[in-house]
């Protein structure tokens, strides 16, 4: 039975015992002389009363730790289905996906769970939902998450949290006002290695960190291509209009899905948006980064067949890019120069790192440059963590563990939904992280060095780029 359905549970006997215990302390002499028969009579009388359940007494956001959440999935065909599989300690009560062929595996796994195509219909009909998992394509993250927040639902949303910078700012504020538990799907944030990285850097393991190089081999899907001219019939199992959601209408084409949407401006966030929320995660946390002061980018040229001009590609992200962020000094930290590489581009290998040592992992990595050494690590959660040169790694005395360890990314969120500590990558952390990541995409689109006014969400030196901070929603979709 779910939390919402337990509103009429009779917990009177437990409360009766609590009341008797409190009264016993107030009037000990009388209670010492009470007979067993009188006690049982009092208990029986109290149990016949209708008592308000504990979670109601605790307020609308309170969830008794012993209860199970009623969780609904929005976008369950890919990563969203994988997320739900990690939450089966709770009740999976509703499934929503616009592509029922893509979602077939998840539907089969939960054969008795009701299915929906439109998350708005699901949220309206199912009053028993306590929390939602959003695993849609990037361009639908915000409208689905906001709909849940406005109904007071807890939300787990996959990365990147949003499709635009404005959406990230808006969702962060909305989640804070709703007072619900939130978490973004940057699962590496719960790993041991990311905590070790933070503790080492804060301990001065490589001194003052003034530079970081971060990279990914993504995209592993087509980018730098033009919009197709052919038209295809919409598959019977796909609700194409719902799949488009707030994005501008265009005819269906198989070049957009299931995974290929990531490379299109209207739907995805490119290689940077796909992997940045994993790799920037440990950079932002360990170096306590706020907003950057400037961003600039270079990228592969989109070249039509008949000319060598450099026209704007308004359809897809480039095949490869380099983005440079500059951050101001923070308390205890000097200014930082962060360089991002994607599409197979990487920084040069430092002489201190042997040729047979892999730079990062299959998904990317990061290299921290300090005045006393370097730290090389992998992508998710800073795995494959190591200090260079080797001598410094051998001599380094590791500090005490000062950051609380995680029971797991999903368990954190579930516990938070039930009144526990906030999840470590809740929207207060994930929102600003997403803003920083997406600023790189704006620099690519603007093709200019941008100075960022974070407080007012604008580029004072290049107002033409302000149009990329948000987008126009299609009629029928709004926040």
Protein backbone atom coordinates (compact mmCIF):
# COMPACT_ATOMS: atom_id res chain seq x y z
CA UNK A 1 0.00 0.00 0.00
CA UNK A 2 1.40 3.42 -0.94
CA UNK A 3 1.85 6.47 1.25
CA UNK A 4 -1.07 8.42 -0.15
CA UNK A 5 -3.37 5.41 0.25
CA UNK A 6 -2.48 5.05 3.93
CA UNK A 7 -4.08 8.32 5.00
CA UNK A 8 -6.85 6.49 6.87
CA UNK A 9 -4.73 3.86 8.60
CA UNK A 10 -5.56 3.50 12.27
CA UNK A 11 -2.38 3.97 14.26
CA UNK A 12 -4.30 4.53 17.46
CA UNK A 13 -2.84 1.70 19.44
CA UNK A 14 0.70 3.00 19.01
CA UNK A 15 -0.39 6.52 19.88
CA UNK A 16 -2.41 5.23 22.85
CA UNK A 17 0.68 3.56 24.27
CA UNK A 18 2.65 6.77 23.76
CA UNK A 19 -0.05 8.77 25.60
CA UNK A 20 -0.17 6.31 28.46
CA UNK A 21 3.59 6.44 28.81
CA UNK A 22 3.59 10.24 28.91
CA UNK A 23 0.73 10.29 31.43
CA UNK A 24 2.56 7.77 33.56
CA UNK A 25 5.49 10.16 33.85
CA UNK A 26 3.18 13.03 34.79
CA UNK A 27 1.36 11.14 37.53
CA UNK A 28 3.60 8.29 38.53
CA UNK A 29 1.89 7.51 41.88
CA UNK A 30 -1.49 6.87 40.18
CA UNK A 31 -0.05 4.82 37.33
CA UNK A 32 1.89 2.58 39.65
CA UNK A 33 -1.40 1.39 41.17
CA UNK A 34 -3.28 0.85 37.90
CA UNK A 35 -4.47 -2.72 37.40
CA UNK A 36 -3.83 -4.81 34.30
CA UNK A 37 -7.62 -4.93 33.63
CA UNK A 38 -7.89 -1.12 33.74
CA UNK A 39 -4.92 -0.78 31.39
CA UNK A 40 -6.44 -3.16 28.83
CA UNK A 41 -9.78 -1.39 29.05
CA UNK A 42 -8.11 1.96 28.41
CA UNK A 43 -6.22 0.52 25.44
CA UNK A 44 -9.36 -0.98 23.92
CA UNK A 45 -11.28 2.25 24.29
CA UNK A 46 -8.51 4.28 22.69
CA UNK A 47 -8.13 1.88 19.75
CA UNK A 48 -11.74 2.48 18.71
CA UNK A 49 -11.04 6.17 18.04
CA UNK A 50 -10.03 7.57 14.62
CA UNK A 51 -6.49 8.87 15.02
CA UNK A 52 -4.69 11.02 12.42
CA UNK A 53 -1.73 9.08 10.91
CA UNK A 54 1.82 10.13 11.73
CA UNK A 55 2.64 11.32 8.19
CA UNK A 56 -0.39 13.65 8.26
CA UNK A 57 0.65 15.05 11.62
CA UNK A 58 4.06 15.70 10.14
CA UNK A 59 2.68 17.79 7.27
CA UNK A 60 2.03 17.10 3.60
CA UNK A 61 5.72 16.59 2.81
CA UNK A 62 6.33 14.13 5.68
CA UNK A 63 6.73 10.45 4.85
CA UNK A 64 7.06 7.84 7.56
CA UNK A 65 10.37 5.98 6.99
CA UNK A 66 8.58 2.62 7.22
CA UNK A 67 6.28 3.47 4.30
CA UNK A 68 6.97 2.84 0.63
CA UNK A 69 6.89 5.56 -1.99
CA UNK A 70 4.50 5.38 -4.90
CA UNK A 71 6.81 6.13 -7.83
CA UNK A 72 5.81 6.96 -11.41
CA UNK A 73 8.18 6.92 -14.38
CA UNK A 74 8.05 9.54 -17.14
CA UNK A 75 10.13 8.37 -20.09
CA UNK A 76 10.85 4.74 -19.22
CA UNK A 77 12.23 3.30 -22.45
CA UNK A 78 15.93 4.03 -21.93
CA UNK A 79 17.80 5.39 -18.92
CA UNK A 80 14.52 6.14 -17.15
CA UNK A 81 13.68 2.43 -17.14
CA UNK A 82 17.11 1.69 -15.72
CA UNK A 83 16.54 4.25 -12.98
CA UNK A 84 13.26 2.60 -12.00
CA UNK A 85 14.98 -0.78 -11.74
CA UNK A 86 17.14 0.71 -8.99
CA UNK A 87 14.08 1.82 -7.02
CA UNK A 88 12.20 -1.45 -6.72
CA UNK A 89 12.30 -1.28 -2.94
CA UNK A 90 9.36 1.10 -3.47
CA UNK A 91 6.03 0.79 -5.29
CA UNK A 92 6.21 1.40 -9.06
CA UNK A 93 2.62 2.54 -9.67
CA UNK A 94 2.51 4.23 -13.10
CA UNK A 95 4.54 4.22 -16.32
CA UNK A 96 4.49 6.90 -19.01
CA UNK A 97 6.22 6.92 -22.37
CA UNK A 98 5.37 8.32 -25.79
CA UNK A 99 7.15 5.46 -27.59
CA UNK A 100 5.59 2.18 -26.54
CA UNK A 101 7.97 0.10 -28.65
CA UNK A 102 10.96 1.70 -26.97
CA UNK A 103 9.31 1.23 -23.57
CA UNK A 104 8.25 -2.38 -24.23
CA UNK A 105 11.03 -3.89 -22.09
CA UNK A 106 10.05 -1.80 -19.09
CA UNK A 107 6.34 -2.45 -19.65
CA UNK A 108 7.06 -6.18 -19.68
CA UNK A 109 9.00 -5.92 -16.44
CA UNK A 110 6.04 -4.30 -14.68
CA UNK A 111 3.09 -5.96 -16.46
CA UNK A 112 0.44 -4.94 -13.94
CA UNK A 113 1.41 -1.26 -13.73
CA UNK A 114 -0.91 1.15 -15.63
CA UNK A 115 0.58 2.81 -18.73
CA UNK A 116 0.17 6.32 -20.08
CA UNK A 117 1.39 8.30 -23.07
CA UNK A 118 0.95 11.84 -21.73
CA UNK A 119 2.54 12.61 -18.35
CA UNK A 120 0.06 15.44 -17.83
CA UNK A 121 -2.84 12.99 -18.01
CA UNK A 122 -1.05 10.59 -15.68
CA UNK A 123 -0.34 13.25 -13.07
CA UNK A 124 -3.92 14.49 -13.22
CA UNK A 125 -5.50 11.06 -12.84
CA UNK A 126 -3.12 9.45 -10.36
CA UNK A 127 -3.47 11.25 -7.05
CA UNK A 128 -1.58 8.46 -5.27
CA UNK A 129 1.79 9.32 -6.83
CA UNK A 130 4.39 10.47 -4.29
CA UNK A 131 7.41 10.82 -6.57
CA UNK A 132 8.36 10.76 -10.24
CA UNK A 133 11.43 9.72 -12.21
CA UNK A 134 12.00 11.78 -15.37
CA UNK A 135 13.99 9.98 -18.06
CA UNK A 136 12.74 11.73 -21.21
CA UNK A 137 14.93 13.36 -23.88
CA UNK A 138 16.54 16.59 -22.64
CA UNK A 139 14.03 18.99 -24.19
CA UNK A 140 11.15 17.54 -22.11
CA UNK A 141 12.97 17.39 -18.75
CA UNK A 142 11.79 20.76 -17.54
CA UNK A 143 8.11 20.64 -18.48
CA UNK A 144 7.75 17.17 -16.94
CA UNK A 145 9.71 18.06 -13.81
CA UNK A 146 7.90 21.35 -13.30
CA UNK A 147 4.50 19.65 -13.62
CA UNK A 148 5.49 17.25 -10.85
CA UNK A 149 6.95 19.96 -8.62
CA UNK A 150 3.81 22.05 -8.90
CA UNK A 151 1.85 19.09 -7.55
CA UNK A 152 4.24 18.64 -4.64
CA UNK A 153 5.85 15.45 -5.98
CA UNK A 154 9.43 14.46 -5.24
CA UNK A 155 11.51 14.33 -8.44
CA UNK A 156 14.49 12.36 -9.72
CA UNK A 157 15.46 13.83 -13.12
CA UNK A 158 18.13 12.51 -15.42
CA UNK A 159 21.05 14.66 -16.53
CA UNK A 160 21.36 17.26 -17.83
CA UNK A 161 18.69 18.66 -15.54
CA UNK A 162 17.39 20.98 -18.27
CA UNK A 163 17.73 21.91 -21.93
CA UNK A 164 18.37 25.63 -21.31
CA UNK A 165 20.07 27.83 -18.73
CA UNK A 166 16.84 29.64 -17.88
CA UNK A 167 15.11 26.33 -17.20
CA UNK A 168 17.89 25.31 -14.80
CA UNK A 169 17.50 28.52 -12.84
CA UNK A 170 13.71 28.14 -12.79
CA UNK A 171 13.67 24.50 -11.65
CA UNK A 172 16.16 25.19 -8.87
CA UNK A 173 13.89 27.90 -7.51
CA UNK A 174 10.71 25.85 -7.97
CA UNK A 175 12.14 22.82 -6.16
CA UNK A 176 13.25 24.96 -3.24
CA UNK A 177 9.81 26.53 -2.95
CA UNK A 178 8.04 23.16 -3.25
CA UNK A 179 10.06 21.76 -0.37
CA UNK A 180 10.31 18.31 -1.95
CA UNK A 181 13.22 15.90 -2.35
CA UNK A 182 15.11 16.18 -5.65
CA UNK A 183 18.08 14.48 -7.28
CA UNK A 184 19.71 14.66 -10.72
CA UNK A 185 20.95 11.51 -12.43
CA UNK A 186 24.67 12.19 -12.19
CA UNK A 187 25.18 8.88 -10.43
CA UNK A 188 28.92 9.34 -9.92
CA UNK A 189 28.18 11.96 -7.27
CA UNK A 190 27.58 9.14 -4.80
CA UNK A 191 30.86 7.33 -5.46
CA UNK A 192 33.74 7.00 -3.01
CA UNK A 193 36.31 8.33 -5.48
CA UNK A 194 34.64 11.74 -5.86
CA UNK A 195 34.78 12.18 -2.10
CA UNK A 196 38.44 11.20 -2.02
CA UNK A 197 39.17 13.71 -4.78
CA UNK A 198 37.50 16.52 -2.81
CA UNK A 199 39.34 15.58 0.39
CA UNK A 200 42.70 15.41 -1.38
CA UNK A 201 42.29 18.76 -3.10
CA UNK A 202 41.02 20.46 0.06
CA UNK A 203 44.02 18.94 1.88
CA UNK A 204 46.39 20.58 -0.62
CA UNK A 205 47.51 17.32 -2.25
CA UNK A 206 48.60 19.15 -5.42
CA UNK A 207 48.70 22.68 -4.02
CA UNK A 208 46.77 25.51 -5.63
CA UNK A 209 44.77 24.27 -8.61
CA UNK A 210 44.76 26.87 -11.38
CA UNK A 211 43.80 24.72 -14.38
CA UNK A 212 41.65 21.73 -15.29
CA UNK A 213 41.34 19.89 -18.60
CA UNK A 214 38.19 17.79 -19.07
CA UNK A 215 37.17 15.66 -22.05
CA UNK A 216 34.88 13.04 -23.53
CA UNK A 217 34.94 11.02 -26.78
CA UNK A 218 31.23 11.80 -27.19
CA UNK A 219 29.32 12.46 -29.37
CA UNK A 220 28.94 8.86 -30.46
CA UNK A 221 25.98 9.84 -32.65
CA UNK A 222 25.80 12.00 -35.80
CA UNK A 223 26.40 15.74 -35.42
CA UNK A 224 27.33 18.44 -37.90
CA UNK A 225 24.56 17.31 -40.27
CA UNK A 226 21.65 19.08 -41.92
CA UNK A 227 17.95 18.56 -41.34
CA UNK A 228 16.62 15.72 -43.53
CA UNK A 229 14.25 16.52 -46.36
CA UNK A 230 12.66 13.07 -46.64
CA UNK A 231 9.46 12.31 -44.79
CA UNK A 232 8.52 9.03 -43.12
CA UNK A 233 5.26 7.73 -41.69
CA UNK A 234 5.08 7.91 -37.90
CA UNK A 235 5.30 4.44 -36.33
CA UNK A 236 2.01 3.29 -34.83
CA UNK A 237 3.65 2.83 -31.43
CA UNK A 238 4.94 6.43 -31.30
CA UNK A 239 3.01 9.57 -30.32
CA UNK A 240 5.17 11.98 -32.31
CA UNK A 241 3.42 15.17 -31.24
CA UNK A 242 3.90 14.26 -27.57
CA UNK A 243 7.52 13.31 -28.25
CA UNK A 244 8.14 16.81 -29.64
CA UNK A 245 6.55 18.33 -26.55
CA UNK A 246 7.61 21.99 -26.22
CA UNK A 247 9.94 21.88 -29.26
CA UNK A 248 8.90 23.38 -32.60
CA UNK A 249 7.01 21.02 -34.86
CA UNK A 250 8.87 19.10 -37.55
CA UNK A 251 7.95 15.94 -39.46
CA UNK A 252 8.96 12.62 -38.00
CA UNK A 253 12.23 11.10 -39.21
CA UNK A 254 14.16 8.09 -37.85
CA UNK A 255 17.30 10.25 -37.62
CA UNK A 256 15.93 11.71 -34.37
CA UNK A 257 15.33 8.65 -32.22
CA UNK A 258 15.72 6.64 -30.18
CA UNK A 259 19.16 8.00 -29.12
CA UNK A 260 20.02 10.25 -32.06
CA UNK A 261 18.11 13.26 -30.70
CA UNK A 262 21.12 14.14 -28.52
CA UNK A 263 22.90 15.79 -31.45
CA UNK A 264 20.07 18.15 -32.46
CA UNK A 265 19.83 21.65 -30.99
CA UNK A 266 16.05 21.41 -30.56
CA UNK A 267 16.15 18.18 -28.55
CA UNK A 268 19.53 17.40 -27.02
CA UNK A 269 22.57 19.12 -25.54
CA UNK A 270 25.38 17.50 -27.51
CA UNK A 271 28.48 15.82 -26.14
CA UNK A 272 28.97 18.54 -23.54
CA UNK A 273 25.42 18.28 -22.19
CA UNK A 274 25.52 14.49 -22.25
CA UNK A 275 28.77 14.02 -20.31
CA UNK A 276 29.42 17.44 -18.76
CA UNK A 277 27.11 16.87 -15.80
CA UNK A 278 29.19 13.79 -14.92
CA UNK A 279 32.66 15.20 -15.51
CA UNK A 280 32.04 18.77 -14.33
CA UNK A 281 30.40 17.33 -11.23
CA UNK A 282 33.65 16.57 -9.41
CA UNK A 283 35.31 19.73 -10.75
CA UNK A 284 32.58 22.00 -9.44
CA UNK A 285 32.39 20.19 -6.09
CA UNK A 286 36.10 19.80 -5.37
CA UNK A 287 37.03 23.34 -6.43
CA UNK A 288 33.87 24.96 -5.01
CA UNK A 289 33.05 26.69 -8.27
CA UNK A 290 30.34 29.27 -8.72
CA UNK A 291 29.42 30.83 -12.07
CA UNK A 292 32.21 31.48 -14.60
CA UNK A 293 33.09 35.01 -15.62
CA UNK A 294 33.63 34.18 -19.30
CA UNK A 295 33.19 31.37 -21.83
CA UNK A 296 34.48 30.96 -25.37
CA UNK A 297 34.52 28.09 -27.84
CA UNK A 298 36.07 26.75 -31.01
CA UNK A 299 34.51 23.92 -32.98
CA UNK A 300 34.64 21.83 -36.11
CA UNK A 301 33.31 23.59 -39.20
CA UNK A 302 30.03 22.55 -40.72
CA UNK A 303 30.88 22.47 -44.43
CA UNK A 304 28.19 22.09 -47.15
CA UNK A 305 29.22 20.10 -50.21
CA UNK A 306 29.47 23.08 -52.56
CA UNK A 307 31.35 25.67 -50.51
CA UNK A 308 34.09 26.14 -47.94
CA UNK A 309 32.22 28.90 -46.15
CA UNK A 310 31.51 28.65 -42.43
CA UNK A 311 27.74 29.00 -42.23
CA UNK A 312 25.86 28.61 -38.97
CA UNK A 313 24.49 25.14 -38.40
CA UNK A 314 21.20 25.83 -36.71
CA UNK A 315 20.21 22.15 -36.63
CA UNK A 316 22.93 20.13 -34.90
CA UNK A 317 25.90 20.54 -32.61
CA UNK A 318 29.38 20.41 -34.17
CA UNK A 319 31.24 17.13 -34.45
CA UNK A 320 33.90 18.34 -32.02
CA UNK A 321 34.49 21.40 -29.87
CA UNK A 322 36.78 23.02 -27.31
CA UNK A 323 35.23 25.29 -24.69
CA UNK A 324 37.20 27.48 -22.29
CA UNK A 325 35.71 28.68 -19.00
CA UNK A 326 37.30 31.20 -16.66
CA UNK A 327 36.31 31.28 -13.00
CA UNK A 328 37.20 33.97 -10.45
CA UNK A 329 39.07 33.36 -7.21
CA UNK A 330 37.02 31.82 -4.40
CA UNK A 331 37.72 31.62 -0.68
CA UNK A 332 40.89 29.54 -0.42
CA UNK A 333 41.10 28.99 -4.19
CA UNK A 334 42.87 30.97 -6.95
CA UNK A 335 41.26 31.84 -10.32
CA UNK A 336 40.68 28.79 -12.50
CA UNK A 337 41.02 28.11 -16.21
CA UNK A 338 38.84 25.12 -17.26
CA UNK A 339 39.09 23.69 -20.78
CA UNK A 340 36.58 21.20 -22.19
CA UNK A 341 37.22 18.91 -25.20
CA UNK A 342 34.75 16.62 -26.98
CA UNK A 343 34.42 14.68 -30.23
CA UNK A 344 37.73 12.88 -29.67
CA UNK A 345 39.82 15.98 -28.96
CA UNK A 346 42.03 15.83 -25.87
CA UNK A 347 44.71 17.82 -24.05
CA UNK A 348 48.37 16.98 -24.54
CA UNK A 349 49.79 14.30 -22.27
CA UNK A 350 52.02 15.83 -19.57
CA UNK A 351 55.59 14.47 -19.43
CA UNK A 352 55.01 13.32 -15.85
CA UNK A 353 52.37 10.78 -16.95
CA UNK A 354 53.88 7.66 -18.60
CA UNK A 355 52.80 6.77 -22.12
CA UNK A 356 51.23 3.48 -21.04
CA UNK A 357 48.84 5.18 -18.58
CA UNK A 358 45.41 5.71 -20.07
CA UNK A 359 44.16 9.29 -19.94
CA UNK A 360 40.78 8.92 -18.23
CA UNK A 361 38.39 6.10 -19.17
CA UNK A 362 36.12 5.14 -22.05
CA UNK A 363 33.71 8.01 -21.23
CA UNK A 364 36.27 10.76 -20.66
CA UNK A 365 38.32 12.18 -17.85
CA UNK A 366 39.87 15.20 -16.18
CA UNK A 367 43.35 16.44 -15.41
CA UNK A 368 43.78 18.85 -12.48
CA UNK A 369 46.86 21.09 -12.66
CA UNK A 370 48.26 22.30 -9.32
CA UNK A 371 51.48 24.05 -8.36
CA UNK A 372 52.63 20.89 -6.52
CA UNK A 373 51.48 18.20 -8.91
CA UNK A 374 48.56 16.87 -10.95
CA UNK A 375 45.56 14.62 -10.42
CA UNK A 376 44.36 12.45 -13.30
CA UNK A 377 40.96 10.81 -13.03
CA UNK A 378 38.16 9.25 -15.06
CA UNK A 379 34.70 10.50 -15.86
CA UNK A 380 31.93 9.36 -13.51
CA UNK A 381 32.70 10.18 -9.91
CA UNK A 382 36.38 10.85 -10.66
CA UNK A 383 37.20 7.13 -10.78
CA UNK A 384 40.76 5.97 -11.62
CA UNK A 385 42.01 8.67 -9.27
CA UNK A 386 45.80 9.18 -9.16
CA UNK A 387 48.35 11.86 -8.31
CA UNK A 388 51.27 12.60 -10.63
CA UNK A 389 54.26 12.60 -10.61
CA UNK A 390 54.42 9.10 -9.14
CA UNK A 391 56.80 10.15 -6.37
CA UNK A 392 54.23 12.59 -4.99
CA UNK A 393 51.56 9.89 -5.00
CA UNK A 394 53.84 7.58 -3.02
CA UNK A 395 54.78 10.26 -0.48
CA UNK A 396 51.32 11.74 0.00
CA UNK A 397 49.77 11.11 3.41
CA UNK A 398 46.06 10.81 2.81
CA UNK A 399 43.85 12.95 5.03
CA UNK A 400 41.03 11.74 7.26
CA UNK A 401 37.68 11.20 5.58
CA UNK A 402 35.64 14.31 6.32
CA UNK A 403 32.76 13.99 3.83
CA UNK A 404 29.86 11.73 4.76
CA UNK A 405 29.71 8.63 2.56
CA UNK A 406 26.70 7.83 0.41
CA UNK A 407 24.53 4.69 0.68
CA UNK A 408 23.98 5.02 -3.08
CA UNK A 409 22.66 7.67 -5.44
CA UNK A 410 19.14 6.26 -5.59
CA UNK A 411 18.97 5.34 -1.92
CA UNK A 412 19.91 8.92 -1.03
CA UNK A 413 16.93 10.26 -2.91
CA UNK A 414 14.49 7.68 -1.56
CA UNK A 415 15.60 8.43 1.99
CA UNK A 416 15.23 12.16 1.35
CA UNK A 417 11.68 11.59 0.05
CA UNK A 418 10.90 9.92 3.37
CA UNK A 419 12.09 12.86 5.44
CA UNK A 420 15.81 12.06 5.62
CA UNK A 421 18.78 14.24 4.75
CA UNK A 422 18.59 16.04 1.38
CA UNK A 423 20.14 14.12 -1.51
CA UNK A 424 23.66 15.30 -2.33
CA UNK A 425 22.89 16.18 -5.95
CA UNK A 426 19.54 17.83 -5.33
CA UNK A 427 18.55 20.69 -7.56
CA UNK A 428 20.31 23.27 -5.38
CA UNK A 429 23.56 21.66 -6.55
CA UNK A 430 22.45 20.20 -9.87
CA UNK A 431 20.79 23.39 -11.15
CA UNK A 432 23.90 25.62 -10.99
CA UNK A 433 26.03 22.71 -12.28
CA UNK A 434 23.74 22.37 -15.30
CA UNK A 435 23.89 26.13 -15.92
CA UNK A 436 27.68 25.99 -16.09
CA UNK A 437 27.65 23.05 -18.50
CA UNK A 438 25.08 24.63 -20.82
CA UNK A 439 26.96 27.93 -20.97
CA UNK A 440 29.48 26.11 -23.14
CA UNK A 441 26.80 25.29 -25.69
CA UNK A 442 25.73 28.94 -25.79
CA UNK A 443 29.34 29.94 -26.52
CA UNK A 444 29.35 27.48 -29.44
CA UNK A 445 26.11 28.88 -30.86
CA UNK A 446 27.14 32.49 -30.39
CA UNK A 447 30.61 31.92 -31.86
CA UNK A 448 32.01 34.64 -29.61
CA UNK A 449 33.71 35.13 -26.27
CA UNK A 450 30.94 35.75 -23.74
CA UNK A 451 31.08 37.52 -20.40
CA UNK A 452 28.46 36.09 -18.08
CA UNK A 453 26.25 38.12 -15.75
CA UNK A 454 24.91 35.21 -13.69
CA UNK A 455 22.74 37.32 -11.43
CA UNK A 456 20.77 38.79 -14.32
CA UNK A 457 21.06 35.87 -16.76
CA UNK A 458 22.58 37.85 -19.62
CA UNK A 459 25.73 38.42 -21.66
CA UNK A 460 26.46 42.16 -21.33
CA UNK A 461 29.19 42.17 -23.99
CA UNK A 462 27.18 40.21 -26.55
CA UNK A 463 23.41 40.63 -26.09
CA UNK A 464 22.78 38.73 -29.31
CA UNK A 465 23.65 35.57 -27.38
CA UNK A 466 20.86 36.16 -24.85
CA UNK A 467 18.44 34.45 -27.24
CA UNK A 468 20.16 31.13 -26.47
CA UNK A 469 19.56 31.36 -22.71
CA UNK A 470 16.06 30.03 -23.28
CA UNK A 471 13.76 29.05 -26.16
CA UNK A 472 10.23 29.61 -27.33
CA UNK A 473 7.83 26.82 -26.36
CA UNK A 474 5.32 25.44 -28.81
CA UNK A 475 1.66 26.35 -28.26
CA UNK A 476 0.07 24.14 -25.64
CA UNK A 477 3.26 23.79 -23.60
CA UNK A 478 4.32 26.10 -20.82
CA UNK A 479 5.85 26.21 -17.36
